[in-house]
Amino acid sequence: MSRCLFPMTRPCLAMNVPRDCLDRFFDATLRLSHLRTLAALARLGQVRRVAEAFCVTQSAISKQLAEIEAGLGQAVVRREGNAVVFTAIGACLAQRAQEVLHQLDRTRHDIALLRDGLCGRVVLGSVTAANAMLVPEALGGLRQRAPQLSVALEEDTADRLLPGVLDGRLDAAVVRMWQPLAHQGLAQRVLMEEPMVIVVGARHPLARRRRLAWAEAMAFPWIVPRAGSPAHGALEALLARHGCSVPPGAVESISLALNLALLTRQSFIGLLPRDFARQCVNEGRVAVLPLDTANLLAEIRVFWREEEVHPARDVLLDCLAQAAAGQSTP
């Protein structure tokens, strides 16, 4: 054991230090370097080894301990033979020093994650048609890249999602575009192009038709986007070009699960994203009708607030772009 290089007894240590002096020590005198010295001494057991670890002299470590003892008015170490050991007060302070330093290390780690956007929380809004494949794929990539980042998902129509991004309720929103759209204060990026297609259940009377007139499809009930939404307007415009309109008895729904249930169990006609529809065709659940949708709602974009620093959102945007790149097939 190293020889203790600071006086082990001082007249002031035998005195009861007034409470205000003790408070002053903890409020103003105690430094992070004191805590590091105590924690290192508890870990290494020798003043010499602590000095070597910090690349300082043994007298510098002795000075640190002397400052602590002067502030406390109590000894924090004592000599037992050639060994230097903690007093009860010193052991208490050293234990707390280790706990504080551990919390500081965790805080440093957490701040680094926050700075890099790898933890925290992000709120993503999305239209139903993006939740079929794009968003799940993006969240899979996000999970691998930032497992400590929490994501809250909100599903709605574009006319409700974009105001949510503007007012800060949402950090980003993935929508399908019918017409070019610009919002002051919002940045946007094209993620991919994937048109909507018109589908029926695999056992629907029209499922095996290779040719079909638009008027024939109007004889069946439809599942349509919510009235007033951009998607509903896009569908109405498409039907109008073929001399048709949304037939009576339509169901307005943005629930992918409900829409699939209606398609597979009833005689409804509905819309699905092309790639998701292909998957459902392979599973024997739906059939795509031979009706040209003219790239209906094909462009998928993501919107976010301009000039806002949000590392976690930026990580999510990167994952969305990567997922879209992996799904951009003709």
Protein backbone atom coordinates (compact mmCIF):
# COMPACT_ATOMS: atom_id res chain seq x y z
CA MET A 1 0.00 0.00 0.00
CA SER A 2 1.19 3.53 -0.67
CA ARG A 3 2.18 5.78 2.15
CA CYS A 4 -0.53 8.32 2.94
CA LEU A 5 0.82 11.70 1.89
CA PHE A 6 -1.55 13.99 3.77
CA PRO A 7 -1.90 14.65 7.49
CA MET A 8 -4.24 12.20 9.09
CA THR A 9 -5.34 14.50 11.91
CA ARG A 10 -6.00 18.21 11.96
CA PRO A 11 -7.34 20.37 14.77
CA CYS A 12 -10.31 21.38 12.64
CA LEU A 13 -11.36 17.75 12.15
CA ALA A 14 -12.07 17.35 15.82
CA MET A 15 -14.47 20.27 15.79
CA ASN A 16 -18.14 20.18 14.93
CA VAL A 17 -18.49 22.20 11.77
CA PRO A 18 -21.58 24.46 11.76
CA ARG A 19 -24.40 23.32 9.53
CA ASP A 20 -24.08 26.33 7.27
CA CYS A 21 -20.42 25.42 6.64
CA LEU A 22 -21.47 21.88 5.73
CA ASP A 23 -24.14 23.24 3.41
CA ARG A 24 -21.59 25.58 1.84
CA PHE A 25 -19.31 22.63 1.18
CA PHE A 26 -21.97 20.67 -0.69
CA ASP A 27 -23.46 23.73 -2.42
CA ALA A 28 -20.26 25.45 -3.50
CA THR A 29 -17.02 23.72 -2.52
CA LEU A 30 -17.56 20.11 -3.53
CA ARG A 31 -16.38 19.59 -7.10
CA LEU A 32 -16.70 16.81 -9.63
CA SER A 33 -12.97 16.21 -9.32
CA HIS A 34 -13.47 15.44 -5.60
CA LEU A 35 -16.08 12.82 -6.46
CA ARG A 36 -13.84 11.28 -9.12
CA THR A 37 -10.98 11.05 -6.62
CA LEU A 38 -13.14 9.35 -3.99
CA ALA A 39 -14.64 6.92 -6.52
CA ALA A 40 -11.21 6.06 -7.90
CA LEU A 41 -9.79 5.51 -4.40
CA ALA A 42 -12.68 3.18 -3.60
CA ARG A 43 -11.99 1.27 -6.80
CA LEU A 44 -8.17 1.21 -6.77
CA GLY A 45 -7.46 1.23 -3.04
CA GLN A 46 -4.16 3.18 -3.17
CA VAL A 47 -3.33 6.85 -3.51
CA ARG A 48 -0.43 5.96 -5.79
CA ARG A 49 -2.65 4.02 -8.17
CA VAL A 50 -5.23 6.82 -8.23
CA ALA A 51 -2.49 9.32 -9.07
CA GLU A 52 -1.25 7.07 -11.86
CA ALA A 53 -4.74 6.62 -13.24
CA PHE A 54 -5.27 10.40 -13.37
CA CYS A 55 -1.69 11.10 -14.54
CA VAL A 56 -1.05 13.44 -11.60
CA THR A 57 1.21 13.41 -8.57
CA GLN A 58 0.30 11.71 -5.31
CA SER A 59 0.41 15.10 -3.62
CA ALA A 60 -2.36 16.31 -5.97
CA ILE A 61 -4.58 13.45 -4.82
CA SER A 62 -3.67 14.19 -1.20
CA LYS A 63 -4.68 17.81 -1.75
CA GLN A 64 -8.07 16.71 -3.07
CA LEU A 65 -8.69 14.59 0.00
CA ALA A 66 -7.52 17.38 2.30
CA GLU A 67 -10.00 19.79 0.68
CA ILE A 68 -12.82 17.31 1.24
CA GLU A 69 -11.89 16.82 4.88
CA ALA A 70 -11.59 20.56 5.47
CA GLY A 71 -15.04 21.14 4.03
CA LEU A 72 -16.63 18.31 5.99
CA GLY A 73 -14.72 18.89 9.18
CA GLN A 74 -14.31 15.14 9.40
CA ALA A 75 -11.70 12.63 8.26
CA VAL A 76 -12.67 10.63 5.20
CA VAL A 77 -9.71 8.21 5.32
CA ARG A 78 -7.50 6.76 8.02
CA ARG A 79 -4.32 4.73 8.08
CA GLU A 80 -4.37 1.12 9.21
CA GLY A 81 -0.78 -0.01 9.15
CA ASN A 82 0.43 0.70 5.65
CA ALA A 83 -3.07 0.80 4.27
CA VAL A 84 -5.31 3.81 3.70
CA VAL A 85 -8.99 3.02 4.30
CA PHE A 86 -12.18 5.01 4.36
CA THR A 87 -13.81 6.18 7.56
CA ALA A 88 -17.56 5.64 7.83
CA ILE A 89 -18.13 9.17 6.53
CA GLY A 90 -15.59 8.66 3.75
CA ALA A 91 -17.16 5.35 2.75
CA CYS A 92 -20.60 6.99 2.58
CA LEU A 93 -19.28 9.83 0.48
CA ALA A 94 -17.33 7.47 -1.81
CA GLN A 95 -20.40 5.32 -2.40
CA ARG A 96 -22.49 8.36 -3.28
CA ALA A 97 -19.67 9.59 -5.53
CA GLN A 98 -19.78 6.32 -7.45
CA GLU A 99 -23.55 6.59 -7.82
CA VAL A 100 -23.36 10.21 -9.02
CA LEU A 101 -20.65 9.40 -11.54
CA HIS A 102 -22.65 6.42 -12.78
CA GLN A 103 -25.68 8.66 -13.32
CA LEU A 104 -23.51 11.21 -15.09
CA ASP A 105 -22.22 8.49 -17.42
CA ARG A 106 -25.78 7.41 -18.17
CA THR A 107 -26.76 11.04 -18.75
CA ARG A 108 -23.84 11.52 -21.13
CA HIS A 109 -24.93 8.40 -23.02
CA ASP A 110 -28.57 9.52 -23.16
CA ILE A 111 -27.63 13.00 -24.36
CA ALA A 112 -25.45 11.51 -27.09
CA LEU A 113 -28.41 9.37 -28.22
CA LEU A 114 -30.74 12.37 -28.15
CA ARG A 115 -28.23 14.46 -30.07
CA ASP A 116 -27.98 11.78 -32.74
CA GLY A 117 -31.73 11.12 -32.77
CA LEU A 118 -31.37 7.56 -31.46
CA CYS A 119 -33.69 7.84 -28.47
CA GLY A 120 -36.67 9.87 -27.36
CA ARG A 121 -40.05 9.91 -29.08
CA VAL A 122 -41.32 10.80 -32.52
CA VAL A 123 -44.94 11.00 -33.75
CA LEU A 124 -45.63 9.89 -37.31
CA GLY A 125 -48.90 10.43 -39.12
CA SER A 126 -49.76 8.31 -42.12
CA VAL A 127 -52.55 7.63 -44.55
CA THR A 128 -53.88 4.08 -44.57
CA ALA A 129 -52.42 3.29 -47.97
CA ALA A 130 -48.90 3.93 -46.66
CA ASN A 131 -49.41 1.75 -43.61
CA ALA A 132 -49.78 -1.41 -45.67
CA MET A 133 -46.10 -1.90 -46.46
CA LEU A 134 -43.99 1.29 -46.48
CA VAL A 135 -44.41 2.37 -42.87
CA PRO A 136 -43.97 -1.14 -41.38
CA GLU A 137 -40.78 -1.58 -43.43
CA ALA A 138 -39.49 1.80 -42.28
CA LEU A 139 -40.23 1.00 -38.64
CA GLY A 140 -38.37 -2.29 -38.99
CA GLY A 141 -35.30 -0.38 -40.15
CA LEU A 142 -35.77 2.18 -37.37
CA ARG A 143 -35.90 -0.58 -34.78
CA GLN A 144 -32.51 -1.85 -35.91
CA ARG A 145 -30.94 1.59 -36.10
CA ALA A 146 -32.43 3.20 -32.99
CA PRO A 147 -33.98 0.56 -30.69
CA GLN A 148 -34.46 3.11 -27.89
CA LEU A 149 -36.47 5.52 -30.05
CA SER A 150 -40.21 5.33 -29.39
CA VAL A 151 -42.67 5.96 -32.23
CA ALA A 152 -46.31 6.95 -31.92
CA LEU A 153 -48.42 6.34 -35.03
CA GLU A 154 -51.54 8.21 -36.08
CA GLU A 155 -53.61 7.13 -39.08
CA ASP A 156 -55.83 9.65 -40.85
CA THR A 157 -56.47 11.35 -44.16
CA ALA A 158 -54.04 13.85 -45.68
CA ASP A 159 -56.33 16.84 -45.04
CA ARG A 160 -56.10 16.15 -41.29
CA LEU A 161 -52.53 14.96 -41.09
CA LEU A 162 -50.83 17.99 -42.63
CA PRO A 163 -52.40 20.51 -40.21
CA GLY A 164 -51.17 18.21 -37.43
CA VAL A 165 -47.62 18.58 -38.70
CA LEU A 166 -47.99 22.34 -38.91
CA ASP A 167 -49.29 22.73 -35.36
CA GLY A 168 -46.67 20.37 -33.91
CA ARG A 169 -48.96 17.50 -32.99
CA LEU A 170 -47.16 15.33 -35.55
CA ASP A 171 -43.45 15.33 -36.31
CA ALA A 172 -43.96 14.04 -39.85
CA ALA A 173 -46.74 12.73 -42.08
CA VAL A 174 -46.71 10.29 -44.99
CA VAL A 175 -49.46 11.02 -47.51
CA ARG A 176 -50.46 10.12 -51.06
CA MET A 177 -50.66 12.97 -53.52
CA TRP A 178 -53.33 13.66 -56.12
CA GLN A 179 -52.27 17.19 -57.08
CA PRO A 180 -49.09 19.17 -56.29
CA LEU A 181 -49.36 20.52 -52.79
CA ALA A 182 -47.27 23.12 -50.97
CA HIS A 183 -47.74 24.28 -47.39
CA GLN A 184 -45.90 27.28 -46.01
CA GLY A 185 -43.70 26.11 -43.16
CA LEU A 186 -43.56 22.50 -44.33
CA ALA A 187 -40.75 20.72 -46.13
CA GLN A 188 -41.50 17.65 -48.22
CA ARG A 189 -39.79 14.79 -49.99
CA VAL A 190 -41.02 12.33 -52.60
CA LEU A 191 -40.56 8.84 -51.19
CA MET A 192 -41.82 6.62 -53.99
CA GLU A 193 -44.48 6.11 -56.63
CA GLU A 194 -47.01 3.33 -56.25
CA PRO A 195 -50.51 3.75 -57.73
CA MET A 196 -53.70 2.58 -56.16
CA VAL A 197 -55.53 -0.25 -57.91
CA ILE A 198 -59.16 -1.33 -57.82
CA VAL A 199 -59.79 -4.71 -56.23
CA VAL A 200 -62.51 -7.15 -55.22
CA GLY A 201 -62.55 -10.26 -53.10
CA ALA A 202 -61.20 -13.43 -54.72
CA ARG A 203 -64.75 -14.88 -54.96
CA HIS A 204 -66.40 -11.71 -56.26
CA PRO A 205 -68.45 -12.07 -59.49
CA LEU A 206 -66.01 -9.76 -61.26
CA ALA A 207 -62.85 -11.41 -59.94
CA ARG A 208 -62.09 -13.44 -63.07
CA ARG A 209 -63.01 -10.80 -65.64
CA ARG A 210 -60.24 -9.90 -68.08
CA ARG A 211 -62.17 -7.01 -69.52
CA LEU A 212 -64.49 -4.76 -67.66
CA ALA A 213 -66.35 -1.54 -68.37
CA TRP A 214 -66.44 1.10 -65.69
CA ALA A 215 -70.23 1.13 -65.78
CA GLU A 216 -70.30 -2.57 -64.83
CA ALA A 217 -68.32 -1.85 -61.67
CA MET A 218 -70.91 0.73 -60.65
CA ALA A 219 -73.46 -2.07 -60.08
CA PHE A 220 -71.66 -3.07 -56.85
CA PRO A 221 -71.13 -1.21 -53.58
CA TRP A 222 -67.79 0.54 -53.10
CA ILE A 223 -65.44 1.19 -50.22
CA VAL A 224 -64.20 4.76 -50.62
CA PRO A 225 -62.01 7.21 -48.72
CA ARG A 226 -63.70 9.60 -46.34
CA ALA A 227 -65.75 12.32 -48.06
CA GLY A 228 -63.86 15.60 -48.23
CA SER A 229 -60.45 13.98 -48.13
CA PRO A 230 -57.95 14.44 -51.01
CA ALA A 231 -58.14 10.71 -51.75
CA HIS A 232 -61.92 10.88 -52.08
CA GLY A 233 -61.58 13.83 -54.44
CA ALA A 234 -59.04 11.94 -56.53
CA LEU A 235 -61.37 8.93 -56.83
CA GLU A 236 -64.33 11.15 -57.77
CA ALA A 237 -62.24 12.80 -60.49
CA LEU A 238 -61.16 9.42 -61.86
CA LEU A 239 -64.75 8.14 -61.99
CA ALA A 240 -65.96 11.36 -63.56
CA ARG A 241 -63.49 10.94 -66.44
CA HIS A 242 -65.29 7.69 -67.23
CA GLY A 243 -68.78 9.16 -66.88
CA CYS A 244 -69.38 7.59 -63.47
CA SER A 245 -69.72 8.64 -59.85
CA VAL A 246 -69.49 6.92 -56.50
CA PRO A 247 -72.52 4.59 -56.43
CA PRO A 248 -75.11 4.69 -53.60
CA GLY A 249 -74.47 2.47 -50.60
CA ALA A 250 -70.73 3.19 -50.46
CA VAL A 251 -68.85 2.65 -47.21
CA GLU A 252 -66.40 5.39 -46.20
CA SER A 253 -63.47 3.80 -44.40
CA ILE A 254 -59.75 4.40 -43.84
CA SER A 255 -59.26 1.13 -41.95
CA LEU A 256 -57.17 -1.32 -43.94
CA ALA A 257 -58.28 -4.26 -41.80
CA LEU A 258 -61.97 -3.39 -42.18
CA ASN A 259 -61.62 -2.79 -45.90
CA LEU A 260 -60.00 -6.19 -46.42
CA ALA A 261 -62.72 -7.86 -44.36
CA LEU A 262 -65.44 -6.24 -46.48
CA LEU A 263 -63.66 -7.14 -49.71
CA THR A 264 -63.16 -10.78 -48.81
CA ARG A 265 -66.56 -11.37 -47.20
CA GLN A 266 -68.90 -9.12 -49.16
CA SER A 267 -69.35 -7.96 -52.76
CA PHE A 268 -67.61 -4.62 -52.28
CA ILE A 269 -65.18 -2.98 -54.67
CA GLY A 270 -62.33 -1.00 -53.14
CA LEU A 271 -58.86 0.51 -53.50
CA LEU A 272 -55.56 -0.94 -52.35
CA PRO A 273 -51.94 0.10 -52.89
CA ARG A 274 -50.58 -1.81 -55.88
CA ASP A 275 -47.78 -3.68 -54.09
CA PHE A 276 -49.99 -4.64 -51.17
CA ALA A 277 -52.70 -5.75 -53.60
CA ARG A 278 -50.17 -8.02 -55.34
CA GLN A 279 -49.35 -9.61 -52.02
CA CYS A 280 -53.04 -10.17 -51.30
CA VAL A 281 -53.54 -11.66 -54.77
CA ASN A 282 -50.72 -14.14 -54.11
CA GLU A 283 -52.43 -15.05 -50.84
CA GLY A 284 -55.71 -15.70 -52.66
CA ARG A 285 -57.56 -12.92 -50.86
CA VAL A 286 -58.34 -10.41 -53.61
CA ALA A 287 -58.31 -9.93 -57.37
CA VAL A 288 -57.28 -6.76 -59.20
CA LEU A 289 -59.89 -5.51 -61.65
CA PRO A 290 -58.78 -4.63 -65.19
CA LEU A 291 -59.60 -0.95 -64.78
CA ASP A 292 -56.96 1.69 -65.57
CA THR A 293 -56.58 3.94 -62.51
CA ALA A 294 -54.24 6.32 -64.38
CA ASN A 295 -51.68 6.28 -61.55
CA LEU A 296 -54.31 7.21 -58.99
CA LEU A 297 -52.68 8.75 -55.89
CA ALA A 298 -49.39 7.25 -57.02
CA GLU A 299 -46.98 9.72 -55.44
CA ILE A 300 -46.14 9.12 -51.79
CA ARG A 301 -44.56 12.05 -49.97
CA VAL A 302 -43.47 12.78 -46.45
CA PHE A 303 -43.98 16.23 -44.91
CA TRP A 304 -42.29 17.77 -41.86
CA ARG A 305 -41.83 21.21 -40.29
CA GLU A 306 -39.25 23.35 -41.99
CA GLU A 307 -36.23 24.68 -40.09
CA GLU A 308 -36.95 22.63 -36.97
CA VAL A 309 -34.05 20.78 -35.38
CA HIS A 310 -35.34 17.31 -34.56
CA PRO A 311 -32.66 14.57 -34.79
CA ALA A 312 -35.07 11.72 -33.99
CA ARG A 313 -37.44 12.80 -36.76
CA ASP A 314 -34.51 13.01 -39.18
CA VAL A 315 -33.56 9.41 -38.38
CA LEU A 316 -37.16 8.38 -39.09
CA LEU A 317 -37.13 10.29 -42.38
CA ASP A 318 -33.98 8.43 -43.41
CA CYS A 319 -35.60 5.09 -42.57
CA LEU A 320 -38.69 6.00 -44.60
CA ALA A 321 -36.49 6.91 -47.58
CA GLN A 322 -34.55 3.66 -47.29
CA ALA A 323 -37.75 1.61 -47.04
CA ALA A 324 -39.20 3.41 -50.07
CA ALA A 325 -36.03 2.77 -52.09
CA GLY A 326 -36.32 -0.92 -51.31
CA GLN A 327 -39.96 -1.04 -52.43
CA SER A 328 -39.75 1.07 -55.56
CA THR A 329 -40.48 -1.70 -58.06
CA PRO A 330 -42.29 -1.23 -61.39
